[in-house]
Amino acid sequence: MNVIGAKLALYLPVLAAWVALVGATLNRAAPVVVVPLAGASALGITALITDTPWLIAAVVALWLWGVVWMVRGAQG
């Protein structure tokens, strides 16, 4: 994997977490949605600053948790 692809693999999950966090905050989502997304966003920035790519797995897990609860909340 080239250097650009490796960095992109790190930045995309962090970007997805931030976009979902902004959307959930603007839509006044429940804390069960916002807290995991905020954790994923903060952990993602920490992973990028400290150059610890293994933290991206936790970012993806927290992002999925937030998105699943966001979808469940929208369904009813």
PDB file of N, CA and C in Angstrom:
ATOM      1  N   MET A   1       0.861  -1.179   0.000  1.00  0.00           N
ATOM      2  CA  MET A   1       0.000   0.000   0.000  1.00  0.00           C
ATOM      3  C   MET A   1       0.903   1.236   0.000  1.00  0.00           C
ATOM      4  N   ASN A   2       0.595   2.151  -0.874  1.00  0.00           N
ATOM      5  CA  ASN A   2       1.432   3.343  -0.933  1.00  0.00           C
ATOM      6  C   ASN A   2       1.114   4.283   0.235  1.00  0.00           C
ATOM      7  N   VAL A   3       1.916   5.320   0.361  1.00  0.00           N
ATOM      8  CA  VAL A   3       1.801   6.232   1.503  1.00  0.00           C
ATOM      9  C   VAL A   3       0.470   6.982   1.476  1.00  0.00           C
ATOM     10  N   ILE A   4       0.026   7.407   0.307  1.00  0.00           N
ATOM     11  CA  ILE A   4      -1.234   8.145   0.220  1.00  0.00           C
ATOM     12  C   ILE A   4      -2.403   7.244   0.607  1.00  0.00           C
ATOM     13  N   GLY A   5      -2.393   6.012   0.157  1.00  0.00           N
ATOM     14  CA  GLY A   5      -3.457   5.076   0.509  1.00  0.00           C
ATOM     15  C   GLY A   5      -3.486   4.764   1.989  1.00  0.00           C
ATOM     16  N   ALA A   6      -2.316   4.664   2.597  1.00  0.00           N
ATOM     17  CA  ALA A   6      -2.241   4.382   4.030  1.00  0.00           C
ATOM     18  C   ALA A   6      -2.787   5.551   4.839  1.00  0.00           C
ATOM     19  N   LYS A   7      -2.430   6.772   4.477  1.00  0.00           N
ATOM     20  CA  LYS A   7      -2.946   7.940   5.192  1.00  0.00           C
ATOM     21  C   LYS A   7      -4.446   8.097   4.964  1.00  0.00           C
ATOM     22  N   LEU A   8      -4.911   7.814   3.761  1.00  0.00           N
ATOM     23  CA  LEU A   8      -6.333   7.915   3.462  1.00  0.00           C
ATOM     24  C   LEU A   8      -7.134   6.915   4.283  1.00  0.00           C
ATOM     25  N   ALA A   9      -6.571   5.722   4.494  1.00  0.00           N
ATOM     26  CA  ALA A   9      -7.244   4.720   5.317  1.00  0.00           C
ATOM     27  C   ALA A   9      -7.366   5.178   6.762  1.00  0.00           C
ATOM     28  N   LEU A  10      -6.481   6.051   7.205  1.00  0.00           N
ATOM     29  CA  LEU A  10      -6.573   6.591   8.562  1.00  0.00           C
ATOM     30  C   LEU A  10      -7.521   7.785   8.637  1.00  0.00           C
ATOM     31  N   TYR A  11      -7.517   8.632   7.616  1.00  0.00           N
ATOM     32  CA  TYR A  11      -8.301   9.860   7.664  1.00  0.00           C
ATOM     33  C   TYR A  11      -9.793   9.642   7.404  1.00  0.00           C
ATOM     34  N   LEU A  12     -10.154   8.685   6.562  1.00  0.00           N
ATOM     35  CA  LEU A  12     -11.561   8.501   6.215  1.00  0.00           C
ATOM     36  C   LEU A  12     -12.449   8.113   7.399  1.00  0.00           C
ATOM     37  N   PRO A  13     -12.054   7.161   8.254  1.00  0.00           N
ATOM     38  CA  PRO A  13     -12.912   6.866   9.409  1.00  0.00           C
ATOM     39  C   PRO A  13     -13.054   8.051  10.362  1.00  0.00           C
ATOM     40  N   VAL A  14     -11.995   8.829  10.514  1.00  0.00           N
ATOM     41  CA  VAL A  14     -12.051  10.001  11.390  1.00  0.00           C
ATOM     42  C   VAL A  14     -12.978  11.050  10.781  1.00  0.00           C
ATOM     43  N   LEU A  15     -12.887  11.245   9.478  1.00  0.00           N
ATOM     44  CA  LEU A  15     -13.770  12.181   8.800  1.00  0.00           C
ATOM     45  C   LEU A  15     -15.222  11.731   8.902  1.00  0.00           C
ATOM     46  N   ALA A  16     -15.468  10.437   8.742  1.00  0.00           N
ATOM     47  CA  ALA A  16     -16.837   9.917   8.859  1.00  0.00           C
ATOM     48  C   ALA A  16     -17.394  10.146  10.259  1.00  0.00           C
ATOM     49  N   ALA A  17     -16.561   9.967  11.270  1.00  0.00           N
ATOM     50  CA  ALA A  17     -17.006  10.190  12.644  1.00  0.00           C
ATOM     51  C   ALA A  17     -17.350  11.661  12.868  1.00  0.00           C
ATOM     52  N   TRP A  18     -16.539  12.564  12.348  1.00  0.00           N
ATOM     53  CA  TRP A  18     -16.803  13.993  12.527  1.00  0.00           C
ATOM     54  C   TRP A  18     -18.060  14.422  11.784  1.00  0.00           C
ATOM     55  N   VAL A  19     -18.257  13.924  10.576  1.00  0.00           N
ATOM     56  CA  VAL A  19     -19.448  14.279   9.802  1.00  0.00           C
ATOM     57  C   VAL A  19     -20.703  13.774  10.503  1.00  0.00           C
ATOM     58  N   ALA A  20     -20.654  12.538  11.000  1.00  0.00           N
ATOM     59  CA  ALA A  20     -21.800  11.989  11.718  1.00  0.00           C
ATOM     60  C   ALA A  20     -22.050  12.756  13.014  1.00  0.00           C
ATOM     61  N   LEU A  21     -20.983  13.163  13.706  1.00  0.00           N
ATOM     62  CA  LEU A  21     -21.137  13.928  14.946  1.00  0.00           C
ATOM     63  C   LEU A  21     -21.792  15.278  14.677  1.00  0.00           C
ATOM     64  N   VAL A  22     -21.361  15.964  13.643  1.00  0.00           N
ATOM     65  CA  VAL A  22     -21.962  17.260  13.308  1.00  0.00           C
ATOM     66  C   VAL A  22     -23.434  17.079  12.948  1.00  0.00           C
ATOM     67  N   GLY A  23     -23.743  16.060  12.169  1.00  0.00           N
ATOM     68  CA  GLY A  23     -25.132  15.807  11.800  1.00  0.00           C
ATOM     69  C   GLY A  23     -25.997  15.467  13.006  1.00  0.00           C
ATOM     70  N   ALA A  24     -25.485  14.629  13.900  1.00  0.00           N
ATOM     71  CA  ALA A  24     -26.242  14.258  15.091  1.00  0.00           C
ATOM     72  C   ALA A  24     -26.440  15.451  16.019  1.00  0.00           C
ATOM     73  N   THR A  25     -25.439  16.288  16.120  1.00  0.00           N
ATOM     74  CA  THR A  25     -25.550  17.469  16.977  1.00  0.00           C
ATOM     75  C   THR A  25     -26.551  18.466  16.404  1.00  0.00           C
ATOM     76  N   LEU A  26     -26.503  18.697  15.103  1.00  0.00           N
ATOM     77  CA  LEU A  26     -27.449  19.616  14.476  1.00  0.00           C
ATOM     78  C   LEU A  26     -28.888  19.109  14.562  1.00  0.00           C
ATOM     79  N   ASN A  27     -29.060  17.785  14.530  1.00  0.00           N
ATOM     80  CA  ASN A  27     -30.393  17.194  14.617  1.00  0.00           C
ATOM     81  C   ASN A  27     -30.836  16.943  16.049  1.00  0.00           C
ATOM     82  N   ARG A  28     -30.022  17.366  17.005  1.00  0.00           N
ATOM     83  CA  ARG A  28     -30.317  17.195  18.438  1.00  0.00           C
ATOM     84  C   ARG A  28     -30.631  15.736  18.766  1.00  0.00           C
ATOM     85  N   ALA A  29     -29.734  14.858  18.359  1.00  0.00           N
ATOM     86  CA  ALA A  29     -29.905  13.431  18.615  1.00  0.00           C
ATOM     87  C   ALA A  29     -29.713  13.140  20.101  1.00  0.00           C
ATOM     88  N   ALA A  30     -30.141  11.967  20.494  1.00  0.00           N
ATOM     89  CA  ALA A  30     -30.050  11.539  21.895  1.00  0.00           C
ATOM     90  C   ALA A  30     -28.587  11.344  22.285  1.00  0.00           C
ATOM     91  N   PRO A  31     -28.312  11.417  23.589  1.00  0.00           N
ATOM     92  CA  PRO A  31     -26.928  11.205  24.047  1.00  0.00           C
ATOM     93  C   PRO A  31     -26.361   9.830  23.671  1.00  0.00           C
ATOM     94  N   VAL A  32     -27.208   8.824  23.527  1.00  0.00           N
ATOM     95  CA  VAL A  32     -26.726   7.503  23.148  1.00  0.00           C
ATOM     96  C   VAL A  32     -26.135   7.516  21.735  1.00  0.00           C
ATOM     97  N   VAL A  33     -26.464   8.536  20.957  1.00  0.00           N
ATOM     98  CA  VAL A  33     -25.895   8.701  19.619  1.00  0.00           C
ATOM     99  C   VAL A  33     -24.685   9.636  19.656  1.00  0.00           C
ATOM    100  N   VAL A  34     -24.827  10.758  20.356  1.00  0.00           N
ATOM    101  CA  VAL A  34     -23.803  11.802  20.315  1.00  0.00           C
ATOM    102  C   VAL A  34     -22.535  11.398  21.068  1.00  0.00           C
ATOM    103  N   VAL A  35     -22.690  10.759  22.217  1.00  0.00           N
ATOM    104  CA  VAL A  35     -21.511  10.417  23.035  1.00  0.00           C
ATOM    105  C   VAL A  35     -20.555   9.467  22.314  1.00  0.00           C
ATOM    106  N   PRO A  36     -21.023   8.366  21.706  1.00  0.00           N
ATOM    107  CA  PRO A  36     -20.064   7.520  20.971  1.00  0.00           C
ATOM    108  C   PRO A  36     -19.425   8.239  19.781  1.00  0.00           C
ATOM    109  N   LEU A  37     -20.200   9.085  19.103  1.00  0.00           N
ATOM    110  CA  LEU A  37     -19.629   9.807  17.964  1.00  0.00           C
ATOM    111  C   LEU A  37     -18.595  10.831  18.419  1.00  0.00           C
ATOM    112  N   ALA A  38     -18.845  11.485  19.551  1.00  0.00           N
ATOM    113  CA  ALA A  38     -17.857  12.422  20.090  1.00  0.00           C
ATOM    114  C   ALA A  38     -16.605  11.673  20.532  1.00  0.00           C
ATOM    115  N   GLY A  39     -16.791  10.511  21.141  1.00  0.00           N
ATOM    116  CA  GLY A  39     -15.639   9.689  21.530  1.00  0.00           C
ATOM    117  C   GLY A  39     -14.842   9.233  20.325  1.00  0.00           C
ATOM    118  N   ALA A  40     -15.545   8.828  19.266  1.00  0.00           N
ATOM    119  CA  ALA A  40     -14.858   8.398  18.045  1.00  0.00           C
ATOM    120  C   ALA A  40     -14.086   9.554  17.418  1.00  0.00           C
ATOM    121  N   SER A  41     -14.685  10.738  17.427  1.00  0.00           N
ATOM    122  CA  SER A  41     -14.011  11.903  16.850  1.00  0.00           C
ATOM    123  C   SER A  41     -12.759  12.275  17.639  1.00  0.00           C
ATOM    124  N   ALA A  42     -12.885  12.307  18.952  1.00  0.00           N
ATOM    125  CA  ALA A  42     -11.728  12.640  19.796  1.00  0.00           C
ATOM    126  C   ALA A  42     -10.644  11.576  19.699  1.00  0.00           C
ATOM    127  N   LEU A  43     -11.061  10.315  19.707  1.00  0.00           N
ATOM    128  CA  LEU A  43     -10.083   9.228  19.610  1.00  0.00           C
ATOM    129  C   LEU A  43      -9.405   9.220  18.244  1.00  0.00           C
ATOM    130  N   GLY A  44     -10.153   9.574  17.213  1.00  0.00           N
ATOM    131  CA  GLY A  44      -9.571   9.640  15.874  1.00  0.00           C
ATOM    132  C   GLY A  44      -8.525  10.729  15.753  1.00  0.00           C
ATOM    133  N   ILE A  45      -8.810  11.892  16.305  1.00  0.00           N
ATOM    134  CA  ILE A  45      -7.816  12.970  16.292  1.00  0.00           C
ATOM    135  C   ILE A  45      -6.581  12.556  17.086  1.00  0.00           C
ATOM    136  N   THR A  46      -6.805  11.902  18.218  1.00  0.00           N
ATOM    137  CA  THR A  46      -5.674  11.409  19.025  1.00  0.00           C
ATOM    138  C   THR A  46      -4.847  10.401  18.240  1.00  0.00           C
ATOM    139  N   ALA A  47      -5.528   9.504  17.526  1.00  0.00           N
ATOM    140  CA  ALA A  47      -4.813   8.492  16.733  1.00  0.00           C
ATOM    141  C   ALA A  47      -3.987   9.133  15.630  1.00  0.00           C
ATOM    142  N   LEU A  48      -4.523  10.175  15.006  1.00  0.00           N
ATOM    143  CA  LEU A  48      -3.781  10.833  13.929  1.00  0.00           C
ATOM    144  C   LEU A  48      -2.602  11.634  14.462  1.00  0.00           C
ATOM    145  N   ILE A  49      -2.804  12.313  15.592  1.00  0.00           N
ATOM    146  CA  ILE A  49      -1.721  13.132  16.152  1.00  0.00           C
ATOM    147  C   ILE A  49      -0.589  12.261  16.662  1.00  0.00           C
ATOM    148  N   THR A  50      -0.940  11.176  17.367  1.00  0.00           N
ATOM    149  CA  THR A  50       0.091  10.324  17.967  1.00  0.00           C
ATOM    150  C   THR A  50       0.599   9.248  17.011  1.00  0.00           C
ATOM    151  N   ASP A  51       0.012   9.178  15.810  1.00  0.00           N
ATOM    152  CA  ASP A  51       0.406   8.198  14.794  1.00  0.00           C
ATOM    153  C   ASP A  51       0.297   6.768  15.322  1.00  0.00           C
ATOM    154  N   THR A  52      -0.859   6.463  15.893  1.00  0.00           N
ATOM    155  CA  THR A  52      -1.156   5.108  16.371  1.00  0.00           C
ATOM    156  C   THR A  52      -2.347   4.566  15.583  1.00  0.00           C
ATOM    157  N   PRO A  53      -2.077   3.935  14.442  1.00  0.00           N
ATOM    158  CA  PRO A  53      -3.165   3.498  13.570  1.00  0.00           C
ATOM    159  C   PRO A  53      -4.058   2.404  14.159  1.00  0.00           C
ATOM    160  N   TRP A  54      -3.603   1.682  15.177  1.00  0.00           N
ATOM    161  CA  TRP A  54      -4.446   0.637  15.752  1.00  0.00           C
ATOM    162  C   TRP A  54      -5.651   1.224  16.480  1.00  0.00           C
ATOM    163  N   LEU A  55      -5.612   2.511  16.837  1.00  0.00           N
ATOM    164  CA  LEU A  55      -6.769   3.144  17.472  1.00  0.00           C
ATOM    165  C   LEU A  55      -7.923   3.352  16.489  1.00  0.00           C
ATOM    166  N   ILE A  56      -7.649   3.259  15.200  1.00  0.00           N
ATOM    167  CA  ILE A  56      -8.701   3.447  14.200  1.00  0.00           C
ATOM    168  C   ILE A  56      -9.759   2.357  14.337  1.00  0.00           C
ATOM    169  N   ALA A  57      -9.395   1.176  14.807  1.00  0.00           N
ATOM    170  CA  ALA A  57     -10.393   0.116  15.026  1.00  0.00           C
ATOM    171  C   ALA A  57     -11.427   0.558  16.059  1.00  0.00           C
ATOM    172  N   ALA A  58     -10.987   1.215  17.120  1.00  0.00           N
ATOM    173  CA  ALA A  58     -11.917   1.728  18.128  1.00  0.00           C
ATOM    174  C   ALA A  58     -12.748   2.870  17.558  1.00  0.00           C
ATOM    175  N   VAL A  59     -12.165   3.685  16.709  1.00  0.00           N
ATOM    176  CA  VAL A  59     -12.900   4.777  16.064  1.00  0.00           C
ATOM    177  C   VAL A  59     -14.037   4.207  15.223  1.00  0.00           C
ATOM    178  N   VAL A  60     -13.747   3.185  14.442  1.00  0.00           N
ATOM    179  CA  VAL A  60     -14.763   2.563  13.598  1.00  0.00           C
ATOM    180  C   VAL A  60     -15.852   1.922  14.450  1.00  0.00           C
ATOM    181  N   ALA A  61     -15.473   1.260  15.537  1.00  0.00           N
ATOM    182  CA  ALA A  61     -16.460   0.619  16.415  1.00  0.00           C
ATOM    183  C   ALA A  61     -17.385   1.657  17.049  1.00  0.00           C
ATOM    184  N   LEU A  62     -16.829   2.744  17.557  1.00  0.00           N
ATOM    185  CA  LEU A  62     -17.657   3.794  18.158  1.00  0.00           C
ATOM    186  C   LEU A  62     -18.530   4.484  17.112  1.00  0.00           C
ATOM    187  N   TRP A  63     -17.976   4.693  15.928  1.00  0.00           N
ATOM    188  CA  TRP A  63     -18.757   5.306  14.850  1.00  0.00           C
ATOM    189  C   TRP A  63     -19.940   4.413  14.480  1.00  0.00           C
ATOM    190  N   LEU A  64     -19.696   3.115  14.354  1.00  0.00           N
ATOM    191  CA  LEU A  64     -20.784   2.191  14.036  1.00  0.00           C
ATOM    192  C   LEU A  64     -21.852   2.195  15.122  1.00  0.00           C
ATOM    193  N   TRP A  65     -21.432   2.215  16.379  1.00  0.00           N
ATOM    194  CA  TRP A  65     -22.375   2.257  17.493  1.00  0.00           C
ATOM    195  C   TRP A  65     -23.268   3.499  17.384  1.00  0.00           C
ATOM    196  N   GLY A  66     -22.667   4.643  17.151  1.00  0.00           N
ATOM    197  CA  GLY A  66     -23.438   5.872  17.028  1.00  0.00           C
ATOM    198  C   GLY A  66     -24.375   5.858  15.837  1.00  0.00           C
ATOM    199  N   VAL A  67     -23.904   5.364  14.707  1.00  0.00           N
ATOM    200  CA  VAL A  67     -24.731   5.344  13.494  1.00  0.00           C
ATOM    201  C   VAL A  67     -25.884   4.357  13.640  1.00  0.00           C
ATOM    202  N   VAL A  68     -25.630   3.205  14.235  1.00  0.00           N
ATOM    203  CA  VAL A  68     -26.705   2.224  14.440  1.00  0.00           C
ATOM    204  C   VAL A  68     -27.790   2.799  15.336  1.00  0.00           C
ATOM    205  N   TRP A  69     -27.404   3.465  16.419  1.00  0.00           N
ATOM    206  CA  TRP A  69     -28.409   4.068  17.300  1.00  0.00           C
ATOM    207  C   TRP A  69     -29.114   5.236  16.639  1.00  0.00           C
ATOM    208  N   MET A  70     -28.415   5.936  15.744  1.00  0.00           N
ATOM    209  CA  MET A  70     -29.054   7.038  15.017  1.00  0.00           C
ATOM    210  C   MET A  70     -30.148   6.478  14.093  1.00  0.00           C
ATOM    211  N   VAL A  71     -29.844   5.383  13.414  1.00  0.00           N
ATOM    212  CA  VAL A  71     -30.813   4.759  12.522  1.00  0.00           C
ATOM    213  C   VAL A  71     -31.989   4.186  13.318  1.00  0.00           C
ATOM    214  N   ARG A  72     -31.680   3.536  14.438  1.00  0.00           N
ATOM    215  CA  ARG A  72     -32.758   2.996  15.285  1.00  0.00           C
ATOM    216  C   ARG A  72     -33.669   4.089  15.800  1.00  0.00           C
ATOM    217  N   GLY A  73     -33.099   5.230  16.157  1.00  0.00           N
ATOM    218  CA  GLY A  73     -33.910   6.347  16.627  1.00  0.00           C
ATOM    219  C   GLY A  73     -34.780   6.941  15.534  1.00  0.00           C
ATOM    220  N   ALA A  74     -34.280   6.933  14.313  1.00  0.00           N
ATOM    221  CA  ALA A  74     -35.040   7.481  13.191  1.00  0.00           C
ATOM    222  C   ALA A  74     -36.176   6.563  12.772  1.00  0.00           C
ATOM    223  N   GLN A  75     -36.028   5.266  13.030  1.00  0.00           N
ATOM    224  CA  GLN A  75     -37.054   4.318  12.626  1.00  0.00           C
ATOM    225  C   GLN A  75     -38.260   4.324  13.550  1.00  0.00           C
ATOM    226  N   GLY A  76     -38.071   4.803  14.750  1.00  0.00           N
ATOM    227  CA  GLY A  76     -39.274   4.829  15.564  1.00  0.00           C
ATOM    228  C   GLY A  76     -39.026   4.790  16.986  1.00  0.00           C
TER     229      GLY A  76
END
